[in-house]
C-alpha cells in the first residue's frame, strides 16, 4: 500500500491540476495499490509498468486494441 505521504502528495497535485481545469498523466505507476489509490482520487490518465513496458510505435495500436479496462486510459 502506498504510504500516507505519497497519498497526500498525490491528492495535493490532483487538486492543483483540477483547479486549473487541466488533464495530467500520472507516470510511473507500477502496482495495483498505486493504481487503485490514483483511480480513487479521480485520476484517469495513467502510465506505467502496471500496463506495459515501453513499446515500439508499431506495437502501440495492437496493445491498445487488447485493453480490457475501460475506466482508465492506458498510456503506454
N, C-alpha and C. Protein backbone atom coordinates (compact mmCIF):
# COMPACT_ATOMS: atom_id res chain seq x y z
N UNK A 1 0.84 -1.18 0.00
CA UNK A 1 0.00 0.00 0.00
C UNK A 1 0.89 1.24 0.00
N UNK A 2 0.59 2.22 -0.84
CA UNK A 2 1.38 3.45 -0.84
C UNK A 2 1.32 4.13 0.53
N UNK A 3 2.45 4.73 0.94
CA UNK A 3 2.46 5.36 2.26
C UNK A 3 1.61 6.64 2.26
N UNK A 4 1.26 7.08 3.45
CA UNK A 4 0.37 8.23 3.61
C UNK A 4 0.92 9.48 2.95
N UNK A 5 2.25 9.71 3.05
CA UNK A 5 2.81 10.92 2.45
C UNK A 5 2.67 10.90 0.93
N UNK A 6 2.77 9.72 0.32
CA UNK A 6 2.56 9.61 -1.13
C UNK A 6 1.11 9.94 -1.48
N UNK A 7 0.20 9.42 -0.69
CA UNK A 7 -1.22 9.69 -0.91
C UNK A 7 -1.49 11.19 -0.79
N UNK A 8 -0.97 11.81 0.26
CA UNK A 8 -1.20 13.24 0.47
C UNK A 8 -0.61 14.07 -0.67
N UNK A 9 0.59 13.70 -1.12
CA UNK A 9 1.22 14.40 -2.24
C UNK A 9 0.38 14.24 -3.50
N UNK A 10 -0.08 13.03 -3.74
CA UNK A 10 -0.91 12.76 -4.92
C UNK A 10 -2.21 13.55 -4.88
N UNK A 11 -2.84 13.59 -3.73
CA UNK A 11 -4.09 14.34 -3.59
C UNK A 11 -3.85 15.83 -3.81
N UNK A 12 -2.74 16.34 -3.31
CA UNK A 12 -2.41 17.75 -3.47
C UNK A 12 -2.20 18.10 -4.95
N UNK A 13 -1.45 17.28 -5.64
CA UNK A 13 -1.21 17.51 -7.07
C UNK A 13 -2.52 17.40 -7.84
N UNK A 14 -3.33 16.40 -7.50
CA UNK A 14 -4.61 16.21 -8.18
C UNK A 14 -5.52 17.42 -8.00
N UNK A 15 -5.58 17.95 -6.79
CA UNK A 15 -6.38 19.16 -6.54
C UNK A 15 -5.87 20.34 -7.36
N UNK A 16 -4.55 20.49 -7.42
CA UNK A 16 -3.97 21.59 -8.18
C UNK A 16 -4.32 21.48 -9.66
N UNK A 17 -4.17 20.29 -10.21
CA UNK A 17 -4.48 20.07 -11.62
C UNK A 17 -5.96 20.33 -11.89
N UNK A 18 -6.81 19.82 -11.02
CA UNK A 18 -8.26 20.02 -11.20
C UNK A 18 -8.63 21.49 -11.10
N UNK A 19 -7.98 22.23 -10.21
CA UNK A 19 -8.32 23.66 -10.05
C UNK A 19 -7.93 24.45 -11.30
N UNK A 20 -6.99 23.93 -12.07
CA UNK A 20 -6.57 24.59 -13.31
C UNK A 20 -7.36 24.08 -14.51
N UNK A 21 -8.29 23.16 -14.28
CA UNK A 21 -9.08 22.54 -15.35
C UNK A 21 -8.17 21.94 -16.42
N UNK A 22 -7.16 21.22 -15.97
CA UNK A 22 -6.21 20.57 -16.86
C UNK A 22 -6.24 19.07 -16.65
N UNK A 23 -5.76 18.36 -17.67
CA UNK A 23 -5.55 16.92 -17.54
C UNK A 23 -4.09 16.70 -17.17
N UNK A 24 -3.85 15.61 -16.50
CA UNK A 24 -2.49 15.29 -16.07
C UNK A 24 -2.29 13.78 -16.20
N UNK A 25 -1.21 13.39 -16.86
CA UNK A 25 -0.85 11.97 -16.96
C UNK A 25 0.00 11.62 -15.75
N UNK A 26 -0.44 10.63 -14.98
CA UNK A 26 0.33 10.15 -13.85
C UNK A 26 1.27 9.07 -14.38
N UNK A 27 2.56 9.30 -14.23
CA UNK A 27 3.57 8.38 -14.76
C UNK A 27 4.18 7.54 -13.64
N UNK A 28 4.71 6.41 -14.02
CA UNK A 28 5.45 5.58 -13.09
C UNK A 28 4.62 4.67 -12.22
N UNK A 29 3.37 4.41 -12.60
CA UNK A 29 2.50 3.54 -11.81
C UNK A 29 2.90 2.09 -12.06
N UNK A 30 3.24 1.39 -10.99
CA UNK A 30 3.75 0.03 -11.12
C UNK A 30 2.91 -1.04 -10.42
N UNK A 31 2.11 -0.65 -9.43
CA UNK A 31 1.40 -1.67 -8.65
C UNK A 31 -0.10 -1.42 -8.66
N UNK A 32 -0.86 -2.47 -8.34
CA UNK A 32 -2.31 -2.36 -8.22
C UNK A 32 -2.70 -1.39 -7.12
N UNK A 33 -1.95 -1.40 -6.01
CA UNK A 33 -2.24 -0.47 -4.92
C UNK A 33 -2.12 0.98 -5.39
N UNK A 34 -1.07 1.28 -6.14
CA UNK A 34 -0.90 2.64 -6.67
C UNK A 34 -2.05 2.98 -7.61
N UNK A 35 -2.37 2.06 -8.50
CA UNK A 35 -3.45 2.28 -9.46
C UNK A 35 -4.77 2.52 -8.75
N UNK A 36 -5.07 1.69 -7.76
CA UNK A 36 -6.33 1.84 -7.02
C UNK A 36 -6.39 3.19 -6.31
N UNK A 37 -5.30 3.58 -5.67
CA UNK A 37 -5.27 4.85 -4.97
C UNK A 37 -5.52 6.01 -5.95
N UNK A 38 -4.86 5.97 -7.09
CA UNK A 38 -4.99 7.04 -8.07
C UNK A 38 -6.38 7.10 -8.68
N UNK A 39 -6.97 5.96 -8.99
CA UNK A 39 -8.31 5.98 -9.57
C UNK A 39 -9.33 6.42 -8.53
N UNK A 40 -9.12 6.09 -7.25
CA UNK A 40 -10.00 6.58 -6.19
C UNK A 40 -9.94 8.10 -6.10
N UNK A 41 -8.79 8.68 -6.43
CA UNK A 41 -8.63 10.14 -6.41
C UNK A 41 -9.21 10.79 -7.66
N UNK A 42 -9.60 9.97 -8.63
CA UNK A 42 -10.17 10.52 -9.85
C UNK A 42 -9.19 10.66 -11.00
N UNK A 43 -7.99 10.15 -10.82
CA UNK A 43 -7.01 10.19 -11.92
C UNK A 43 -7.40 9.14 -12.96
N UNK A 44 -7.42 9.55 -14.22
CA UNK A 44 -7.80 8.58 -15.25
C UNK A 44 -6.85 8.54 -16.43
N UNK A 45 -5.76 9.28 -16.37
CA UNK A 45 -4.71 9.20 -17.38
C UNK A 45 -3.46 8.67 -16.68
N UNK A 46 -3.21 7.39 -16.87
CA UNK A 46 -2.18 6.71 -16.08
C UNK A 46 -1.23 5.96 -17.01
N UNK A 47 0.05 6.08 -16.70
CA UNK A 47 1.08 5.43 -17.50
C UNK A 47 2.02 4.69 -16.56
N UNK A 48 2.48 3.54 -16.98
CA UNK A 48 3.47 2.84 -16.18
C UNK A 48 3.52 1.35 -16.46
N UNK A 49 4.45 0.71 -15.78
CA UNK A 49 4.65 -0.72 -15.96
C UNK A 49 3.43 -1.53 -15.55
N UNK A 50 2.50 -0.93 -14.80
CA UNK A 50 1.26 -1.63 -14.45
C UNK A 50 0.55 -2.10 -15.72
N UNK A 51 0.72 -1.34 -16.80
CA UNK A 51 0.10 -1.68 -18.07
C UNK A 51 1.07 -2.36 -19.02
N UNK A 52 2.27 -1.81 -19.12
CA UNK A 52 3.20 -2.34 -20.12
C UNK A 52 4.58 -1.73 -19.93
N UNK A 53 5.56 -2.48 -20.35
CA UNK A 53 6.91 -1.91 -20.51
C UNK A 53 6.84 -0.97 -21.71
N UNK A 54 7.85 -0.15 -21.93
CA UNK A 54 7.83 0.73 -23.10
C UNK A 54 7.64 -0.08 -24.39
N UNK A 55 6.87 0.49 -25.30
CA UNK A 55 6.54 -0.18 -26.57
C UNK A 55 7.15 0.55 -27.75
N UNK A 56 7.44 -0.20 -28.79
CA UNK A 56 7.80 0.41 -30.06
C UNK A 56 6.52 0.97 -30.67
N UNK A 57 6.65 2.01 -31.47
CA UNK A 57 5.48 2.67 -32.06
C UNK A 57 4.58 1.68 -32.78
N UNK A 58 5.16 0.74 -33.48
CA UNK A 58 4.38 -0.23 -34.25
C UNK A 58 3.54 -1.15 -33.35
N UNK A 59 3.93 -1.28 -32.09
CA UNK A 59 3.23 -2.18 -31.16
C UNK A 59 2.14 -1.49 -30.33
N UNK A 60 2.03 -0.16 -30.43
CA UNK A 60 1.08 0.57 -29.59
C UNK A 60 -0.37 0.23 -29.93
N UNK A 61 -0.75 0.29 -31.20
CA UNK A 61 -2.15 0.05 -31.56
C UNK A 61 -2.60 -1.36 -31.19
N UNK A 62 -1.82 -2.40 -31.50
CA UNK A 62 -2.25 -3.74 -31.06
C UNK A 62 -2.40 -3.83 -29.53
N UNK A 63 -1.52 -3.16 -28.80
CA UNK A 63 -1.62 -3.14 -27.34
C UNK A 63 -2.93 -2.49 -26.90
N UNK A 64 -3.23 -1.33 -27.46
CA UNK A 64 -4.47 -0.63 -27.10
C UNK A 64 -5.70 -1.43 -27.48
N UNK A 65 -5.64 -2.14 -28.60
CA UNK A 65 -6.77 -2.96 -29.02
C UNK A 65 -7.07 -4.09 -28.04
N UNK A 66 -6.08 -4.51 -27.27
CA UNK A 66 -6.25 -5.62 -26.33
C UNK A 66 -6.66 -5.18 -24.93
N UNK A 67 -6.76 -3.89 -24.69
CA UNK A 67 -7.10 -3.39 -23.35
C UNK A 67 -8.49 -3.85 -22.94
N UNK A 68 -8.61 -4.28 -21.69
CA UNK A 68 -9.90 -4.70 -21.16
C UNK A 68 -10.45 -3.71 -20.15
N UNK A 69 -9.62 -2.88 -19.57
CA UNK A 69 -10.08 -1.86 -18.62
C UNK A 69 -10.59 -0.67 -19.41
N UNK A 70 -11.80 -0.24 -19.10
CA UNK A 70 -12.37 0.89 -19.81
C UNK A 70 -12.50 2.12 -18.91
N UNK A 71 -12.22 1.96 -17.63
CA UNK A 71 -12.39 3.08 -16.70
C UNK A 71 -11.17 3.99 -16.62
N UNK A 72 -10.05 3.54 -17.17
CA UNK A 72 -8.85 4.37 -17.23
C UNK A 72 -8.25 4.24 -18.61
N UNK A 73 -7.43 5.20 -18.98
CA UNK A 73 -6.77 5.17 -20.28
C UNK A 73 -5.35 4.72 -20.06
N UNK A 74 -4.93 3.69 -20.79
CA UNK A 74 -3.55 3.22 -20.70
C UNK A 74 -2.72 4.04 -21.67
N UNK A 75 -1.68 4.67 -21.13
CA UNK A 75 -0.77 5.44 -21.97
C UNK A 75 0.54 4.69 -21.93
N UNK A 76 0.80 3.89 -22.95
CA UNK A 76 1.97 3.01 -22.97
C UNK A 76 3.18 3.65 -23.33
